[in-house]
Amino acid sequence: MARILLLGGSGYFCRQLLPELLKSLPREWEFVIADYEYRAARKMAKKLGERVTARMVDVSDPAAMERLLEGADAGVNFVGPWYRFGKFVREAFRRAGVSLIAVNPSSFRESHGNAGGPPFVGGVSFVPAVPLIFREVFGPEKGVSVSVRV
């Protein structure tokens, strides 16, 4: 089983992505919508079913991020703007050793030179590509077979 965090997950892009992830990734995977707007995250999680839960998080709070990242296998960041919040998100994931996909074009320049850290893919501005990235990060050995409709 994998636990995937979706930071800023109650926003527009994640609302487009999460139904595809639920269809494309193994049924035993669970998703956590982590958002400062907890009510919106909880409403979305309830609508999507038992594989999805909601957590409130302030990404600029290192202790809150540390608690959130416990037991996580990967994360997708939708929190923006990246220039303001990206450093908090990236550093928390790096400290926890958890892979991160940043859905924000301005994060691309930071996707290189991640020597020794967990996988980081930045600059993903085409949301349907995210399940394909999961396939590359986790591979068939984790039961990931992805089919995305565009």
N, C-alpha and C. Protein backbone atom coordinates (compact mmCIF):
# COMPACT_ATOMS: atom_id res chain seq x y z
N MET A 1 0.84 -1.18 0.00
CA MET A 1 0.00 0.00 0.00
C MET A 1 0.88 1.24 0.00
N ALA A 2 0.44 2.26 -0.69
CA ALA A 2 1.16 3.54 -0.72
C ALA A 2 0.25 4.63 -0.19
N ARG A 3 0.87 5.61 0.44
CA ARG A 3 0.14 6.77 0.96
C ARG A 3 0.66 8.00 0.23
N ILE A 4 -0.21 8.64 -0.54
CA ILE A 4 0.16 9.77 -1.38
C ILE A 4 -0.45 11.05 -0.82
N LEU A 5 0.39 12.06 -0.60
CA LEU A 5 -0.08 13.35 -0.10
C LEU A 5 -0.33 14.29 -1.27
N LEU A 6 -1.42 15.02 -1.20
CA LEU A 6 -1.77 16.00 -2.22
C LEU A 6 -1.87 17.35 -1.52
N LEU A 7 -0.77 18.11 -1.52
CA LEU A 7 -0.73 19.40 -0.83
C LEU A 7 -1.44 20.46 -1.66
N GLY A 8 -2.31 21.22 -1.01
CA GLY A 8 -3.13 22.18 -1.74
C GLY A 8 -4.16 21.43 -2.56
N GLY A 9 -4.52 20.27 -2.07
CA GLY A 9 -5.33 19.33 -2.83
C GLY A 9 -6.79 19.67 -3.02
N SER A 10 -7.29 20.71 -2.38
CA SER A 10 -8.71 21.02 -2.59
C SER A 10 -8.91 22.02 -3.73
N GLY A 11 -7.82 22.40 -4.39
CA GLY A 11 -7.91 23.36 -5.48
C GLY A 11 -8.27 22.73 -6.82
N TYR A 12 -8.34 23.58 -7.82
CA TYR A 12 -8.79 23.19 -9.16
C TYR A 12 -7.98 22.05 -9.77
N PHE A 13 -6.65 22.16 -9.76
CA PHE A 13 -5.84 21.16 -10.44
C PHE A 13 -5.98 19.78 -9.82
N CYS A 14 -6.00 19.73 -8.51
CA CYS A 14 -6.15 18.43 -7.87
C CYS A 14 -7.54 17.85 -8.09
N ARG A 15 -8.54 18.70 -8.14
CA ARG A 15 -9.90 18.20 -8.44
C ARG A 15 -9.93 17.53 -9.81
N GLN A 16 -9.08 17.97 -10.72
CA GLN A 16 -9.00 17.33 -12.04
C GLN A 16 -8.18 16.05 -11.98
N LEU A 17 -7.14 16.05 -11.17
CA LEU A 17 -6.20 14.93 -11.13
C LEU A 17 -6.66 13.76 -10.28
N LEU A 18 -7.18 14.02 -9.11
CA LEU A 18 -7.44 12.94 -8.16
C LEU A 18 -8.39 11.86 -8.68
N PRO A 19 -9.47 12.19 -9.37
CA PRO A 19 -10.29 11.11 -9.92
C PRO A 19 -9.51 10.19 -10.87
N GLU A 20 -8.58 10.76 -11.64
CA GLU A 20 -7.74 9.94 -12.52
C GLU A 20 -6.80 9.05 -11.72
N LEU A 21 -6.22 9.59 -10.66
CA LEU A 21 -5.34 8.78 -9.82
C LEU A 21 -6.11 7.63 -9.19
N LEU A 22 -7.31 7.90 -8.73
CA LEU A 22 -8.12 6.86 -8.10
C LEU A 22 -8.44 5.74 -9.09
N LYS A 23 -8.64 6.09 -10.35
CA LYS A 23 -8.92 5.07 -11.37
C LYS A 23 -7.66 4.35 -11.83
N SER A 24 -6.54 5.07 -11.87
CA SER A 24 -5.34 4.56 -12.52
C SER A 24 -4.38 3.80 -11.61
N LEU A 25 -4.37 4.14 -10.34
CA LEU A 25 -3.39 3.56 -9.43
C LEU A 25 -4.02 2.44 -8.61
N PRO A 26 -3.21 1.56 -8.05
CA PRO A 26 -3.75 0.40 -7.32
C PRO A 26 -4.77 0.78 -6.25
N ARG A 27 -5.78 -0.06 -6.11
CA ARG A 27 -6.88 0.21 -5.18
C ARG A 27 -6.44 0.29 -3.72
N GLU A 28 -5.33 -0.34 -3.39
CA GLU A 28 -4.87 -0.28 -1.99
C GLU A 28 -4.13 1.01 -1.66
N TRP A 29 -3.90 1.85 -2.64
CA TRP A 29 -3.25 3.14 -2.38
C TRP A 29 -4.25 4.09 -1.76
N GLU A 30 -3.78 4.89 -0.81
CA GLU A 30 -4.64 5.90 -0.19
C GLU A 30 -4.09 7.29 -0.48
N PHE A 31 -4.98 8.25 -0.49
CA PHE A 31 -4.63 9.63 -0.82
C PHE A 31 -5.06 10.56 0.31
N VAL A 32 -4.20 11.50 0.63
CA VAL A 32 -4.48 12.47 1.68
C VAL A 32 -4.50 13.86 1.06
N ILE A 33 -5.66 14.50 1.09
CA ILE A 33 -5.76 15.88 0.63
C ILE A 33 -5.34 16.75 1.82
N ALA A 34 -4.17 17.35 1.71
CA ALA A 34 -3.63 18.18 2.79
C ALA A 34 -3.71 19.64 2.35
N ASP A 35 -4.49 20.41 3.07
CA ASP A 35 -4.76 21.77 2.62
C ASP A 35 -4.97 22.69 3.81
N TYR A 36 -4.62 23.94 3.64
CA TYR A 36 -4.90 24.95 4.67
C TYR A 36 -6.40 25.17 4.79
N GLU A 37 -7.11 24.97 3.68
CA GLU A 37 -8.57 25.08 3.65
C GLU A 37 -9.17 23.71 3.97
N TYR A 38 -9.16 23.37 5.25
CA TYR A 38 -9.55 22.03 5.68
C TYR A 38 -10.98 21.67 5.29
N ARG A 39 -11.91 22.60 5.43
CA ARG A 39 -13.31 22.28 5.11
C ARG A 39 -13.46 21.86 3.66
N ALA A 40 -12.79 22.56 2.76
CA ALA A 40 -12.86 22.21 1.34
C ALA A 40 -12.22 20.85 1.10
N ALA A 41 -11.11 20.58 1.78
CA ALA A 41 -10.43 19.29 1.63
C ALA A 41 -11.31 18.15 2.14
N ARG A 42 -11.94 18.36 3.29
CA ARG A 42 -12.81 17.33 3.87
C ARG A 42 -14.02 17.06 2.97
N LYS A 43 -14.59 18.11 2.41
CA LYS A 43 -15.74 17.96 1.51
C LYS A 43 -15.35 17.15 0.27
N MET A 44 -14.20 17.46 -0.28
CA MET A 44 -13.73 16.74 -1.46
C MET A 44 -13.43 15.28 -1.13
N ALA A 45 -12.78 15.03 0.00
CA ALA A 45 -12.46 13.66 0.40
C ALA A 45 -13.72 12.84 0.59
N LYS A 46 -14.70 13.42 1.24
CA LYS A 46 -15.96 12.71 1.48
C LYS A 46 -16.63 12.34 0.15
N LYS A 47 -16.58 13.24 -0.80
CA LYS A 47 -17.18 13.01 -2.11
C LYS A 47 -16.49 11.88 -2.88
N LEU A 48 -15.16 11.74 -2.69
CA LEU A 48 -14.39 10.79 -3.48
C LEU A 48 -14.30 9.39 -2.87
N GLY A 49 -14.70 9.22 -1.62
CA GLY A 49 -14.76 7.87 -1.07
C GLY A 49 -13.70 7.54 -0.05
N GLU A 50 -13.71 6.29 0.38
CA GLU A 50 -12.92 5.84 1.52
C GLU A 50 -11.41 5.83 1.30
N ARG A 51 -10.95 5.86 0.06
CA ARG A 51 -9.50 5.88 -0.20
C ARG A 51 -8.90 7.27 -0.01
N VAL A 52 -9.75 8.26 0.24
CA VAL A 52 -9.29 9.65 0.33
C VAL A 52 -9.65 10.21 1.70
N THR A 53 -8.65 10.82 2.36
CA THR A 53 -8.88 11.49 3.63
C THR A 53 -8.39 12.93 3.52
N ALA A 54 -8.71 13.73 4.52
CA ALA A 54 -8.31 15.14 4.52
C ALA A 54 -7.54 15.47 5.78
N ARG A 55 -6.56 16.35 5.64
CA ARG A 55 -5.79 16.87 6.77
C ARG A 55 -5.58 18.36 6.57
N MET A 56 -5.59 19.10 7.65
CA MET A 56 -5.27 20.52 7.60
C MET A 56 -3.77 20.65 7.75
N VAL A 57 -3.15 21.49 6.92
CA VAL A 57 -1.72 21.72 7.06
C VAL A 57 -1.37 23.13 6.61
N ASP A 58 -0.45 23.72 7.34
CA ASP A 58 0.17 24.99 6.95
C ASP A 58 1.57 24.60 6.49
N VAL A 59 1.83 24.65 5.19
CA VAL A 59 3.11 24.16 4.66
C VAL A 59 4.31 24.96 5.17
N SER A 60 4.08 26.15 5.71
CA SER A 60 5.19 26.94 6.23
C SER A 60 5.53 26.58 7.68
N ASP A 61 4.81 25.62 8.26
CA ASP A 61 5.06 25.16 9.62
C ASP A 61 5.84 23.84 9.57
N PRO A 62 7.15 23.87 9.84
CA PRO A 62 7.97 22.65 9.72
C PRO A 62 7.47 21.49 10.58
N ALA A 63 7.01 21.75 11.79
CA ALA A 63 6.53 20.67 12.66
C ALA A 63 5.27 20.03 12.09
N ALA A 64 4.37 20.85 11.56
CA ALA A 64 3.14 20.32 10.95
C ALA A 64 3.48 19.47 9.73
N MET A 65 4.43 19.94 8.93
CA MET A 65 4.83 19.17 7.75
C MET A 65 5.49 17.85 8.15
N GLU A 66 6.30 17.88 9.19
CA GLU A 66 6.94 16.65 9.66
C GLU A 66 5.90 15.62 10.07
N ARG A 67 4.88 16.06 10.81
CA ARG A 67 3.80 15.14 11.22
C ARG A 67 3.05 14.61 10.00
N LEU A 68 2.76 15.48 9.06
CA LEU A 68 2.02 15.09 7.86
C LEU A 68 2.79 14.05 7.05
N LEU A 69 4.09 14.21 6.95
CA LEU A 69 4.92 13.35 6.11
C LEU A 69 5.21 11.98 6.72
N GLU A 70 4.92 11.79 8.00
CA GLU A 70 5.14 10.48 8.62
C GLU A 70 4.32 9.42 7.89
N GLY A 71 4.99 8.41 7.38
CA GLY A 71 4.31 7.31 6.70
C GLY A 71 3.94 7.59 5.25
N ALA A 72 4.30 8.76 4.73
CA ALA A 72 3.98 9.08 3.33
C ALA A 72 5.00 8.45 2.40
N ASP A 73 4.52 8.04 1.23
CA ASP A 73 5.40 7.46 0.21
C ASP A 73 5.77 8.45 -0.87
N ALA A 74 4.90 9.40 -1.14
CA ALA A 74 5.15 10.41 -2.18
C ALA A 74 4.17 11.55 -1.98
N GLY A 75 4.44 12.65 -2.66
CA GLY A 75 3.54 13.79 -2.58
C GLY A 75 3.50 14.56 -3.88
N VAL A 76 2.38 15.23 -4.08
CA VAL A 76 2.22 16.13 -5.22
C VAL A 76 1.88 17.49 -4.62
N ASN A 77 2.65 18.51 -4.99
CA ASN A 77 2.42 19.84 -4.45
C ASN A 77 1.64 20.71 -5.43
N PHE A 78 0.49 21.19 -4.97
CA PHE A 78 -0.32 22.13 -5.74
C PHE A 78 -0.34 23.50 -5.06
N VAL A 79 0.35 23.64 -3.92
CA VAL A 79 0.34 24.89 -3.16
C VAL A 79 1.10 25.95 -3.94
N GLY A 80 0.53 27.10 -4.02
CA GLY A 80 1.21 28.19 -4.71
C GLY A 80 0.96 29.50 -4.00
N PRO A 81 1.68 30.50 -4.40
CA PRO A 81 2.67 30.44 -5.47
C PRO A 81 3.96 29.75 -5.00
N TRP A 82 4.60 29.05 -5.95
CA TRP A 82 5.80 28.27 -5.63
C TRP A 82 6.90 29.16 -5.05
N TYR A 83 7.08 30.37 -5.59
CA TYR A 83 8.16 31.23 -5.10
C TYR A 83 7.99 31.57 -3.62
N ARG A 84 6.76 31.50 -3.12
CA ARG A 84 6.51 31.82 -1.72
C ARG A 84 6.53 30.58 -0.82
N PHE A 85 5.92 29.49 -1.28
CA PHE A 85 5.76 28.31 -0.44
C PHE A 85 6.63 27.12 -0.84
N GLY A 86 7.17 27.15 -2.03
CA GLY A 86 7.94 26.01 -2.53
C GLY A 86 9.11 25.61 -1.66
N LYS A 87 9.81 26.59 -1.11
CA LYS A 87 10.98 26.27 -0.29
C LYS A 87 10.59 25.48 0.96
N PHE A 88 9.43 25.80 1.54
CA PHE A 88 8.97 25.07 2.73
C PHE A 88 8.61 23.62 2.36
N VAL A 89 7.89 23.48 1.27
CA VAL A 89 7.44 22.16 0.83
C VAL A 89 8.64 21.29 0.46
N ARG A 90 9.49 21.83 -0.39
CA ARG A 90 10.64 21.05 -0.86
C ARG A 90 11.55 20.63 0.29
N GLU A 91 11.82 21.54 1.21
CA GLU A 91 12.70 21.22 2.34
C GLU A 91 12.08 20.16 3.25
N ALA A 92 10.79 20.25 3.51
CA ALA A 92 10.13 19.26 4.36
C ALA A 92 10.19 17.87 3.72
N PHE A 93 9.95 17.79 2.43
CA PHE A 93 10.00 16.50 1.73
C PHE A 93 11.43 15.96 1.71
N ARG A 94 12.39 16.85 1.50
CA ARG A 94 13.80 16.42 1.49
C ARG A 94 14.20 15.85 2.85
N ARG A 95 13.85 16.57 3.93
CA ARG A 95 14.18 16.10 5.28
C ARG A 95 13.53 14.75 5.57
N ALA A 96 12.30 14.55 5.10
CA ALA A 96 11.58 13.31 5.37
C ALA A 96 12.00 12.18 4.43
N GLY A 97 12.72 12.51 3.35
CA GLY A 97 13.12 11.49 2.38
C GLY A 97 11.96 10.98 1.54
N VAL A 98 11.00 11.85 1.28
CA VAL A 98 9.79 11.48 0.53
C VAL A 98 9.84 12.13 -0.85
N SER A 99 9.49 11.36 -1.88
CA SER A 99 9.48 11.87 -3.26
C SER A 99 8.41 12.94 -3.42
N LEU A 100 8.72 13.94 -4.27
CA LEU A 100 7.81 15.06 -4.48
C LEU A 100 7.68 15.38 -5.96
N ILE A 101 6.44 15.60 -6.39
CA ILE A 101 6.15 16.12 -7.72
C ILE A 101 5.55 17.51 -7.51
N ALA A 102 6.15 18.52 -8.12
CA ALA A 102 5.66 19.89 -7.97
C ALA A 102 4.92 20.30 -9.23
N VAL A 103 3.62 20.51 -9.09
CA VAL A 103 2.80 20.91 -10.23
C VAL A 103 2.81 22.43 -10.29
N ASN A 104 3.87 22.94 -10.90
CA ASN A 104 4.04 24.39 -11.00
C ASN A 104 5.18 24.65 -11.97
N PRO A 105 4.92 25.33 -13.07
CA PRO A 105 5.98 25.55 -14.06
C PRO A 105 7.21 26.24 -13.51
N SER A 106 7.06 27.13 -12.53
CA SER A 106 8.22 27.87 -12.03
C SER A 106 9.15 26.99 -11.21
N SER A 107 8.70 25.79 -10.84
CA SER A 107 9.56 24.91 -10.04
C SER A 107 10.51 24.11 -10.91
N PHE A 108 10.39 24.19 -12.23
CA PHE A 108 11.19 23.36 -13.12
C PHE A 108 12.69 23.55 -12.91
N ARG A 109 13.11 24.79 -12.77
CA ARG A 109 14.55 25.03 -12.65
C ARG A 109 15.14 24.37 -11.41
N GLU A 110 14.31 24.05 -10.42
CA GLU A 110 14.80 23.39 -9.22
C GLU A 110 14.77 21.88 -9.32
N SER A 111 14.26 21.33 -10.41
CA SER A 111 14.12 19.88 -10.50
C SER A 111 15.44 19.19 -10.79
N HIS A 112 16.46 19.95 -11.09
CA HIS A 112 17.77 19.38 -11.38
C HIS A 112 18.69 19.58 -10.19
N GLY A 113 19.69 18.75 -10.06
CA GLY A 113 20.66 18.90 -8.99
C GLY A 113 20.13 18.50 -7.63
N ASN A 114 19.37 17.43 -7.57
CA ASN A 114 18.81 16.96 -6.31
C ASN A 114 19.67 15.82 -5.77
N ALA A 115 20.96 15.96 -5.84
CA ALA A 115 21.89 14.90 -5.48
C ALA A 115 21.66 14.40 -4.06
N GLY A 116 21.49 13.10 -3.95
CA GLY A 116 21.37 12.46 -2.65
C GLY A 116 20.00 12.55 -2.01
N GLY A 117 19.09 13.29 -2.57
CA GLY A 117 17.76 13.43 -1.98
C GLY A 117 16.76 12.51 -2.65
N PRO A 118 15.53 12.52 -2.15
CA PRO A 118 14.48 11.72 -2.77
C PRO A 118 14.14 12.30 -4.13
N PRO A 119 13.52 11.51 -5.01
CA PRO A 119 13.16 12.04 -6.33
C PRO A 119 12.30 13.30 -6.23
N PHE A 120 12.66 14.28 -7.06
CA PHE A 120 11.90 15.53 -7.14
C PHE A 120 11.68 15.83 -8.61
N VAL A 121 10.43 15.97 -9.00
CA VAL A 121 10.10 16.32 -10.37
C VAL A 121 9.39 17.66 -10.32
N GLY A 122 9.99 18.68 -10.89
CA GLY A 122 9.40 20.01 -10.87
C GLY A 122 8.95 20.43 -12.25
N GLY A 123 8.12 21.45 -12.29
CA GLY A 123 7.71 22.01 -13.56
C GLY A 123 6.64 21.22 -14.27
N VAL A 124 5.90 20.39 -13.56
CA VAL A 124 4.84 19.62 -14.19
C VAL A 124 3.63 20.53 -14.33
N SER A 125 3.41 21.02 -15.54
CA SER A 125 2.27 21.92 -15.73
C SER A 125 1.13 21.22 -16.46
N PHE A 126 1.33 19.99 -16.85
CA PHE A 126 0.30 19.22 -17.53
C PHE A 126 -0.19 18.15 -16.57
N VAL A 127 -1.26 18.43 -15.86
CA VAL A 127 -1.72 17.58 -14.76
C VAL A 127 -1.91 16.12 -15.15
N PRO A 128 -2.45 15.78 -16.33
CA PRO A 128 -2.59 14.35 -16.64
C PRO A 128 -1.27 13.60 -16.69
N ALA A 129 -0.14 14.29 -16.72
CA ALA A 129 1.16 13.62 -16.72
C ALA A 129 1.52 13.06 -15.35
N VAL A 130 0.89 13.53 -14.29
CA VAL A 130 1.27 13.11 -12.94
C VAL A 130 1.14 11.60 -12.74
N PRO A 131 0.04 10.94 -13.16
CA PRO A 131 0.01 9.48 -12.99
C PRO A 131 1.14 8.78 -13.74
N LEU A 132 1.54 9.31 -14.87
CA LEU A 132 2.64 8.71 -15.62
C LEU A 132 3.95 8.85 -14.84
N ILE A 133 4.11 9.96 -14.15
CA ILE A 133 5.31 10.14 -13.32
C ILE A 133 5.29 9.15 -12.17
N PHE A 134 4.13 8.92 -11.56
CA PHE A 134 4.03 7.90 -10.51
C PHE A 134 4.49 6.55 -11.04
N ARG A 135 4.10 6.22 -12.25
CA ARG A 135 4.51 4.94 -12.83
C ARG A 135 6.03 4.88 -12.93
N GLU A 136 6.65 5.98 -13.33
CA GLU A 136 8.11 6.00 -13.46
C GLU A 136 8.80 5.94 -12.10
N VAL A 137 8.25 6.63 -11.10
CA VAL A 137 8.87 6.66 -9.78
C VAL A 137 8.71 5.32 -9.07
N PHE A 138 7.50 4.73 -9.13
CA PHE A 138 7.24 3.51 -8.39
C PHE A 138 7.42 2.25 -9.23
N GLY A 139 7.12 2.33 -10.53
CA GLY A 139 7.34 1.22 -11.45
C GLY A 139 6.41 0.05 -11.25
N PRO A 140 6.49 -0.91 -12.17
CA PRO A 140 5.61 -2.08 -12.14
C PRO A 140 5.78 -2.94 -10.89
N GLU A 141 6.96 -2.88 -10.27
CA GLU A 141 7.18 -3.71 -9.08
C GLU A 141 6.27 -3.30 -7.92
N LYS A 142 5.72 -2.09 -7.97
CA LYS A 142 4.77 -1.65 -6.94
C LYS A 142 3.32 -1.79 -7.44
N GLY A 143 3.14 -2.45 -8.56
CA GLY A 143 1.79 -2.67 -9.07
C GLY A 143 1.20 -1.47 -9.78
N VAL A 144 2.04 -0.59 -10.30
CA VAL A 144 1.54 0.61 -10.94
C VAL A 144 1.43 0.39 -12.44
N SER A 145 0.22 0.43 -12.91
CA SER A 145 -0.07 0.38 -14.33
C SER A 145 -1.00 1.54 -14.60
N VAL A 146 -0.58 2.48 -15.40
CA VAL A 146 -1.32 3.73 -15.54
C VAL A 146 -1.89 3.89 -16.93
N SER A 147 -3.15 4.28 -16.97
CA SER A 147 -3.82 4.62 -18.21
C SER A 147 -4.54 5.94 -17.97
N VAL A 148 -4.17 6.96 -18.72
CA VAL A 148 -4.75 8.28 -18.49
C VAL A 148 -5.49 8.73 -19.74
N ARG A 149 -6.72 9.20 -19.54
CA ARG A 149 -7.49 9.77 -20.65
C ARG A 149 -7.26 11.27 -20.67
N VAL A 150 -6.95 11.78 -21.84
CA VAL A 150 -6.71 13.22 -21.97
C VAL A 150 -7.77 13.81 -22.88
